[in-house]
Amino acid sequence: MKQTKGKKPAKTGITDNLKKGITEMLVLAFLNEGDMTINDIIRCLDERSGGECKIIFPYSTVYRLLNNSYIVESEKRVSDNRRRQFYHITPKGKKYFAEMRREYNSFISGVDMIFSSLAE
């Protein structure tokens, strides 16, 4: 695969963009269930996906969500003898999550229709 200097191959770029959008939605989904630390989110993602979904840079996702007021820092609690920062989804984040989920379901439904119409 030909690679332009300083740019990732197309396959990697597509994968990265797909993961970025879905990761935000998954983080909001977990926080919609209750307050969590970043480590809790990573563990839930790994466990519930059977190890298929990984967040390489979870802090960038959390910071984007914080900057857009979709989540906030809640209290710090001691866990594993360390102080851990918990995060909480805001009403704005709940609305954003619901919108993202509707758009995701609609898009995936359309993609499924296309794939089912293609000859194998």
N, C-alpha and C. Protein backbone atom coordinates (compact mmCIF):
# COMPACT_ATOMS: atom_id res chain seq x y z
N MET A 1 0.85 -1.17 0.00
CA MET A 1 0.00 0.00 0.00
C MET A 1 0.89 1.23 0.00
N LYS A 2 0.66 2.12 -0.93
CA LYS A 2 1.45 3.34 -1.05
C LYS A 2 1.10 4.28 0.10
N GLN A 3 2.12 4.84 0.70
CA GLN A 3 1.91 5.75 1.82
C GLN A 3 2.57 7.09 1.52
N THR A 4 1.80 8.17 1.69
CA THR A 4 2.32 9.51 1.52
C THR A 4 3.07 9.88 2.79
N LYS A 5 4.18 10.60 2.63
CA LYS A 5 4.99 10.99 3.78
C LYS A 5 4.14 11.73 4.81
N GLY A 6 4.21 11.23 6.06
CA GLY A 6 3.51 11.89 7.15
C GLY A 6 2.05 11.51 7.27
N LYS A 7 1.53 10.68 6.39
CA LYS A 7 0.12 10.28 6.45
C LYS A 7 0.03 8.78 6.67
N LYS A 8 -1.01 8.37 7.39
CA LYS A 8 -1.26 6.96 7.59
C LYS A 8 -1.89 6.38 6.34
N PRO A 9 -1.72 5.07 6.13
CA PRO A 9 -2.43 4.43 5.02
C PRO A 9 -3.94 4.61 5.21
N ALA A 10 -4.69 4.61 4.11
CA ALA A 10 -6.14 4.85 4.17
C ALA A 10 -6.84 3.92 5.13
N LYS A 11 -6.48 2.65 5.15
CA LYS A 11 -7.16 1.68 6.02
C LYS A 11 -7.03 2.10 7.49
N THR A 12 -5.85 2.49 7.90
CA THR A 12 -5.63 2.90 9.28
C THR A 12 -6.41 4.16 9.60
N GLY A 13 -6.45 5.13 8.69
CA GLY A 13 -7.19 6.36 8.92
C GLY A 13 -8.67 6.11 9.08
N ILE A 14 -9.24 5.24 8.26
CA ILE A 14 -10.66 4.91 8.36
C ILE A 14 -10.95 4.24 9.69
N THR A 15 -10.10 3.30 10.07
CA THR A 15 -10.28 2.59 11.33
C THR A 15 -10.20 3.56 12.50
N ASP A 16 -9.22 4.45 12.48
CA ASP A 16 -9.06 5.42 13.57
C ASP A 16 -10.29 6.32 13.70
N ASN A 17 -10.80 6.82 12.58
CA ASN A 17 -11.97 7.70 12.62
C ASN A 17 -13.21 6.96 13.11
N LEU A 18 -13.38 5.73 12.67
CA LEU A 18 -14.52 4.92 13.10
C LEU A 18 -14.45 4.68 14.61
N LYS A 19 -13.28 4.29 15.08
CA LYS A 19 -13.10 4.02 16.51
C LYS A 19 -13.33 5.27 17.35
N LYS A 20 -12.87 6.42 16.87
CA LYS A 20 -12.99 7.67 17.63
C LYS A 20 -14.45 8.00 17.90
N GLY A 21 -15.29 7.94 16.86
CA GLY A 21 -16.71 8.25 17.03
C GLY A 21 -17.44 7.23 17.89
N ILE A 22 -17.18 5.98 17.67
CA ILE A 22 -17.87 4.94 18.43
C ILE A 22 -17.39 4.92 19.87
N THR A 23 -16.11 5.20 20.10
CA THR A 23 -15.59 5.21 21.46
C THR A 23 -16.29 6.26 22.31
N GLU A 24 -16.53 7.45 21.76
CA GLU A 24 -17.27 8.47 22.51
C GLU A 24 -18.64 7.96 22.90
N MET A 25 -19.31 7.31 21.96
CA MET A 25 -20.65 6.79 22.23
C MET A 25 -20.59 5.71 23.32
N LEU A 26 -19.60 4.84 23.27
CA LEU A 26 -19.49 3.77 24.27
C LEU A 26 -19.17 4.33 25.66
N VAL A 27 -18.29 5.31 25.73
CA VAL A 27 -17.97 5.93 27.02
C VAL A 27 -19.24 6.54 27.62
N LEU A 28 -20.01 7.25 26.80
CA LEU A 28 -21.27 7.83 27.28
C LEU A 28 -22.25 6.74 27.70
N ALA A 29 -22.27 5.63 26.98
CA ALA A 29 -23.17 4.52 27.33
C ALA A 29 -22.83 3.97 28.72
N PHE A 30 -21.55 3.77 28.99
CA PHE A 30 -21.15 3.26 30.31
C PHE A 30 -21.48 4.26 31.41
N LEU A 31 -21.19 5.54 31.16
CA LEU A 31 -21.47 6.56 32.18
C LEU A 31 -22.97 6.77 32.36
N ASN A 32 -23.75 6.43 31.36
CA ASN A 32 -25.20 6.49 31.48
C ASN A 32 -25.70 5.46 32.50
N GLU A 33 -24.92 4.41 32.71
CA GLU A 33 -25.26 3.39 33.71
C GLU A 33 -24.85 3.80 35.12
N GLY A 34 -23.88 4.70 35.23
CA GLY A 34 -23.42 5.15 36.54
C GLY A 34 -22.03 5.75 36.45
N ASP A 35 -21.63 6.45 37.49
CA ASP A 35 -20.32 7.10 37.52
C ASP A 35 -19.22 6.04 37.48
N MET A 36 -18.15 6.36 36.77
CA MET A 36 -17.02 5.43 36.62
C MET A 36 -15.72 6.20 36.52
N THR A 37 -14.64 5.48 36.79
CA THR A 37 -13.30 6.00 36.52
C THR A 37 -12.92 5.60 35.10
N ILE A 38 -11.83 6.18 34.61
CA ILE A 38 -11.35 5.80 33.29
C ILE A 38 -10.98 4.32 33.27
N ASN A 39 -10.36 3.84 34.36
CA ASN A 39 -10.01 2.41 34.42
C ASN A 39 -11.25 1.53 34.38
N ASP A 40 -12.33 1.94 35.04
CA ASP A 40 -13.58 1.18 35.00
C ASP A 40 -14.12 1.11 33.57
N ILE A 41 -14.06 2.23 32.87
CA ILE A 41 -14.55 2.30 31.49
C ILE A 41 -13.74 1.36 30.59
N ILE A 42 -12.43 1.40 30.73
CA ILE A 42 -11.56 0.53 29.93
C ILE A 42 -11.88 -0.94 30.22
N ARG A 43 -12.03 -1.28 31.50
CA ARG A 43 -12.33 -2.66 31.89
C ARG A 43 -13.68 -3.11 31.33
N CYS A 44 -14.71 -2.27 31.44
CA CYS A 44 -16.04 -2.61 30.91
C CYS A 44 -16.00 -2.80 29.40
N LEU A 45 -15.29 -1.92 28.72
CA LEU A 45 -15.18 -2.02 27.26
C LEU A 45 -14.53 -3.34 26.87
N ASP A 46 -13.47 -3.69 27.54
CA ASP A 46 -12.77 -4.93 27.24
C ASP A 46 -13.64 -6.15 27.55
N GLU A 47 -14.26 -6.17 28.73
CA GLU A 47 -15.08 -7.31 29.15
C GLU A 47 -16.31 -7.49 28.27
N ARG A 48 -17.03 -6.41 28.03
CA ARG A 48 -18.30 -6.51 27.30
C ARG A 48 -18.11 -6.73 25.81
N SER A 49 -16.92 -6.45 25.30
CA SER A 49 -16.67 -6.67 23.86
C SER A 49 -15.91 -7.97 23.63
N GLY A 50 -15.66 -8.72 24.67
CA GLY A 50 -14.89 -9.95 24.52
C GLY A 50 -13.45 -9.66 24.10
N GLY A 51 -12.95 -8.50 24.49
CA GLY A 51 -11.58 -8.12 24.16
C GLY A 51 -11.40 -7.52 22.77
N GLU A 52 -12.49 -7.35 22.04
CA GLU A 52 -12.41 -6.83 20.67
C GLU A 52 -12.26 -5.31 20.60
N CYS A 53 -12.74 -4.61 21.60
CA CYS A 53 -12.69 -3.14 21.61
C CYS A 53 -11.69 -2.67 22.65
N LYS A 54 -10.76 -1.87 22.22
CA LYS A 54 -9.74 -1.31 23.11
C LYS A 54 -9.67 0.20 22.90
N ILE A 55 -9.43 0.93 23.97
CA ILE A 55 -9.19 2.36 23.87
C ILE A 55 -7.70 2.56 24.11
N ILE A 56 -7.01 3.06 23.09
CA ILE A 56 -5.58 3.25 23.21
C ILE A 56 -5.28 4.53 24.00
N PHE A 57 -6.00 5.60 23.72
CA PHE A 57 -5.81 6.88 24.42
C PHE A 57 -7.13 7.30 25.05
N PRO A 58 -7.52 6.69 26.17
CA PRO A 58 -8.82 7.01 26.76
C PRO A 58 -8.94 8.46 27.23
N TYR A 59 -7.83 9.06 27.62
CA TYR A 59 -7.90 10.42 28.15
C TYR A 59 -8.33 11.42 27.08
N SER A 60 -7.92 11.21 25.83
CA SER A 60 -8.33 12.15 24.78
C SER A 60 -9.85 12.11 24.59
N THR A 61 -10.45 10.93 24.66
CA THR A 61 -11.91 10.81 24.56
C THR A 61 -12.58 11.50 25.74
N VAL A 62 -12.10 11.23 26.93
CA VAL A 62 -12.68 11.83 28.14
C VAL A 62 -12.53 13.35 28.10
N TYR A 63 -11.38 13.85 27.69
CA TYR A 63 -11.19 15.30 27.64
C TYR A 63 -12.11 15.95 26.61
N ARG A 64 -12.32 15.29 25.45
CA ARG A 64 -13.26 15.83 24.45
C ARG A 64 -14.67 15.91 25.04
N LEU A 65 -15.08 14.87 25.75
CA LEU A 65 -16.41 14.85 26.35
C LEU A 65 -16.53 15.90 27.47
N LEU A 66 -15.47 16.07 28.24
CA LEU A 66 -15.45 17.11 29.29
C LEU A 66 -15.54 18.50 28.66
N ASN A 67 -14.76 18.74 27.62
CA ASN A 67 -14.73 20.06 26.97
C ASN A 67 -16.07 20.44 26.36
N ASN A 68 -16.85 19.45 25.97
CA ASN A 68 -18.17 19.70 25.39
C ASN A 68 -19.29 19.63 26.42
N SER A 69 -18.93 19.50 27.68
CA SER A 69 -19.88 19.44 28.81
C SER A 69 -20.84 18.25 28.72
N TYR A 70 -20.38 17.16 28.08
CA TYR A 70 -21.19 15.94 28.03
C TYR A 70 -20.98 15.11 29.29
N ILE A 71 -19.83 15.30 29.92
CA ILE A 71 -19.54 14.65 31.20
C ILE A 71 -18.87 15.68 32.11
N VAL A 72 -18.86 15.37 33.40
CA VAL A 72 -18.17 16.21 34.39
C VAL A 72 -17.42 15.30 35.34
N GLU A 73 -16.42 15.87 35.99
CA GLU A 73 -15.75 15.14 37.05
C GLU A 73 -16.68 15.13 38.25
N SER A 74 -16.88 13.95 38.81
CA SER A 74 -17.66 13.87 40.05
C SER A 74 -16.66 13.71 41.19
N GLU A 75 -17.03 13.06 42.25
CA GLU A 75 -16.12 13.00 43.39
C GLU A 75 -14.93 12.09 43.14
N LYS A 76 -13.91 12.29 43.96
CA LYS A 76 -12.76 11.40 43.96
C LYS A 76 -12.96 10.43 45.11
N ARG A 77 -12.70 9.15 44.84
CA ARG A 77 -12.86 8.12 45.86
C ARG A 77 -11.57 7.31 45.94
N VAL A 78 -11.36 6.70 47.10
CA VAL A 78 -10.20 5.82 47.26
C VAL A 78 -10.59 4.44 46.74
N SER A 79 -9.78 3.93 45.84
CA SER A 79 -9.97 2.60 45.27
C SER A 79 -8.59 2.01 45.04
N ASP A 80 -8.36 0.78 45.45
CA ASP A 80 -7.04 0.15 45.33
C ASP A 80 -5.97 1.01 46.01
N ASN A 81 -6.33 1.58 47.15
CA ASN A 81 -5.42 2.43 47.93
C ASN A 81 -4.93 3.66 47.17
N ARG A 82 -5.67 4.08 46.14
CA ARG A 82 -5.33 5.28 45.38
C ARG A 82 -6.59 6.11 45.23
N ARG A 83 -6.41 7.41 45.12
CA ARG A 83 -7.56 8.29 44.85
C ARG A 83 -7.88 8.21 43.37
N ARG A 84 -9.11 7.91 43.07
CA ARG A 84 -9.54 7.77 41.67
C ARG A 84 -10.58 8.83 41.35
N GLN A 85 -10.46 9.41 40.14
CA GLN A 85 -11.41 10.41 39.66
C GLN A 85 -12.57 9.70 38.97
N PHE A 86 -13.78 9.98 39.43
CA PHE A 86 -14.98 9.42 38.80
C PHE A 86 -15.57 10.48 37.88
N TYR A 87 -16.23 10.00 36.84
CA TYR A 87 -16.87 10.87 35.85
C TYR A 87 -18.36 10.59 35.82
N HIS A 88 -19.12 11.63 35.51
CA HIS A 88 -20.59 11.59 35.54
C HIS A 88 -21.13 12.19 34.24
N ILE A 89 -22.11 11.53 33.65
CA ILE A 89 -22.73 12.06 32.43
C ILE A 89 -23.70 13.19 32.81
N THR A 90 -23.70 14.25 32.04
CA THR A 90 -24.59 15.40 32.29
C THR A 90 -25.90 15.21 31.51
N PRO A 91 -26.92 16.02 31.82
CA PRO A 91 -28.15 15.96 31.01
C PRO A 91 -27.86 16.23 29.52
N LYS A 92 -26.95 17.16 29.24
CA LYS A 92 -26.54 17.43 27.86
C LYS A 92 -25.89 16.19 27.25
N GLY A 93 -25.10 15.47 28.04
CA GLY A 93 -24.45 14.25 27.58
C GLY A 93 -25.46 13.14 27.31
N LYS A 94 -26.48 13.05 28.16
CA LYS A 94 -27.53 12.04 27.95
C LYS A 94 -28.28 12.31 26.65
N LYS A 95 -28.55 13.57 26.39
CA LYS A 95 -29.24 13.94 25.14
C LYS A 95 -28.35 13.64 23.94
N TYR A 96 -27.08 14.01 24.03
CA TYR A 96 -26.12 13.75 22.96
C TYR A 96 -25.99 12.25 22.71
N PHE A 97 -25.91 11.46 23.80
CA PHE A 97 -25.80 10.01 23.67
C PHE A 97 -27.03 9.43 22.96
N ALA A 98 -28.22 9.89 23.33
CA ALA A 98 -29.44 9.40 22.68
C ALA A 98 -29.44 9.73 21.19
N GLU A 99 -29.02 10.94 20.85
CA GLU A 99 -28.94 11.35 19.43
C GLU A 99 -27.91 10.51 18.67
N MET A 100 -26.75 10.30 19.28
CA MET A 100 -25.71 9.50 18.64
C MET A 100 -26.19 8.07 18.42
N ARG A 101 -26.87 7.53 19.41
CA ARG A 101 -27.34 6.14 19.30
C ARG A 101 -28.39 6.00 18.20
N ARG A 102 -29.29 6.98 18.10
CA ARG A 102 -30.29 6.95 17.01
C ARG A 102 -29.60 7.02 15.64
N GLU A 103 -28.66 7.94 15.51
CA GLU A 103 -27.93 8.08 14.24
C GLU A 103 -27.14 6.81 13.92
N TYR A 104 -26.50 6.24 14.92
CA TYR A 104 -25.73 5.01 14.73
C TYR A 104 -26.65 3.88 14.26
N ASN A 105 -27.76 3.68 14.96
CA ASN A 105 -28.70 2.60 14.60
C ASN A 105 -29.25 2.79 13.19
N SER A 106 -29.58 4.01 12.84
CA SER A 106 -30.10 4.30 11.50
C SER A 106 -29.04 4.02 10.44
N PHE A 107 -27.83 4.47 10.68
CA PHE A 107 -26.75 4.27 9.72
C PHE A 107 -26.42 2.80 9.55
N ILE A 108 -26.30 2.08 10.66
CA ILE A 108 -25.98 0.65 10.61
C ILE A 108 -27.09 -0.12 9.91
N SER A 109 -28.33 0.29 10.13
CA SER A 109 -29.46 -0.35 9.44
C SER A 109 -29.33 -0.18 7.93
N GLY A 110 -28.98 1.02 7.51
CA GLY A 110 -28.78 1.29 6.08
C GLY A 110 -27.63 0.48 5.51
N VAL A 111 -26.52 0.39 6.24
CA VAL A 111 -25.38 -0.39 5.79
C VAL A 111 -25.76 -1.86 5.67
N ASP A 112 -26.51 -2.37 6.65
CA ASP A 112 -26.96 -3.76 6.60
C ASP A 112 -27.84 -4.02 5.37
N MET A 113 -28.71 -3.07 5.04
CA MET A 113 -29.56 -3.22 3.85
C MET A 113 -28.69 -3.28 2.59
N ILE A 114 -27.69 -2.44 2.52
CA ILE A 114 -26.79 -2.46 1.36
C ILE A 114 -26.06 -3.78 1.27
N PHE A 115 -25.47 -4.22 2.39
CA PHE A 115 -24.72 -5.48 2.37
C PHE A 115 -25.62 -6.67 2.01
N SER A 116 -26.86 -6.67 2.50
CA SER A 116 -27.74 -7.79 2.20
C SER A 116 -28.18 -7.79 0.73
N SER A 117 -28.08 -6.65 0.06
CA SER A 117 -28.49 -6.58 -1.35
C SER A 117 -27.34 -6.91 -2.31
N LEU A 118 -26.14 -7.01 -1.79
CA LEU A 118 -24.98 -7.29 -2.63
C LEU A 118 -24.84 -8.79 -2.86
N ALA A 119 -24.43 -9.15 -4.05
CA ALA A 119 -24.16 -10.55 -4.36
C ALA A 119 -22.84 -10.94 -3.72
N GLU A 120 -22.79 -12.14 -3.22
CA GLU A 120 -21.53 -12.59 -2.59
C GLU A 120 -20.67 -13.33 -3.53
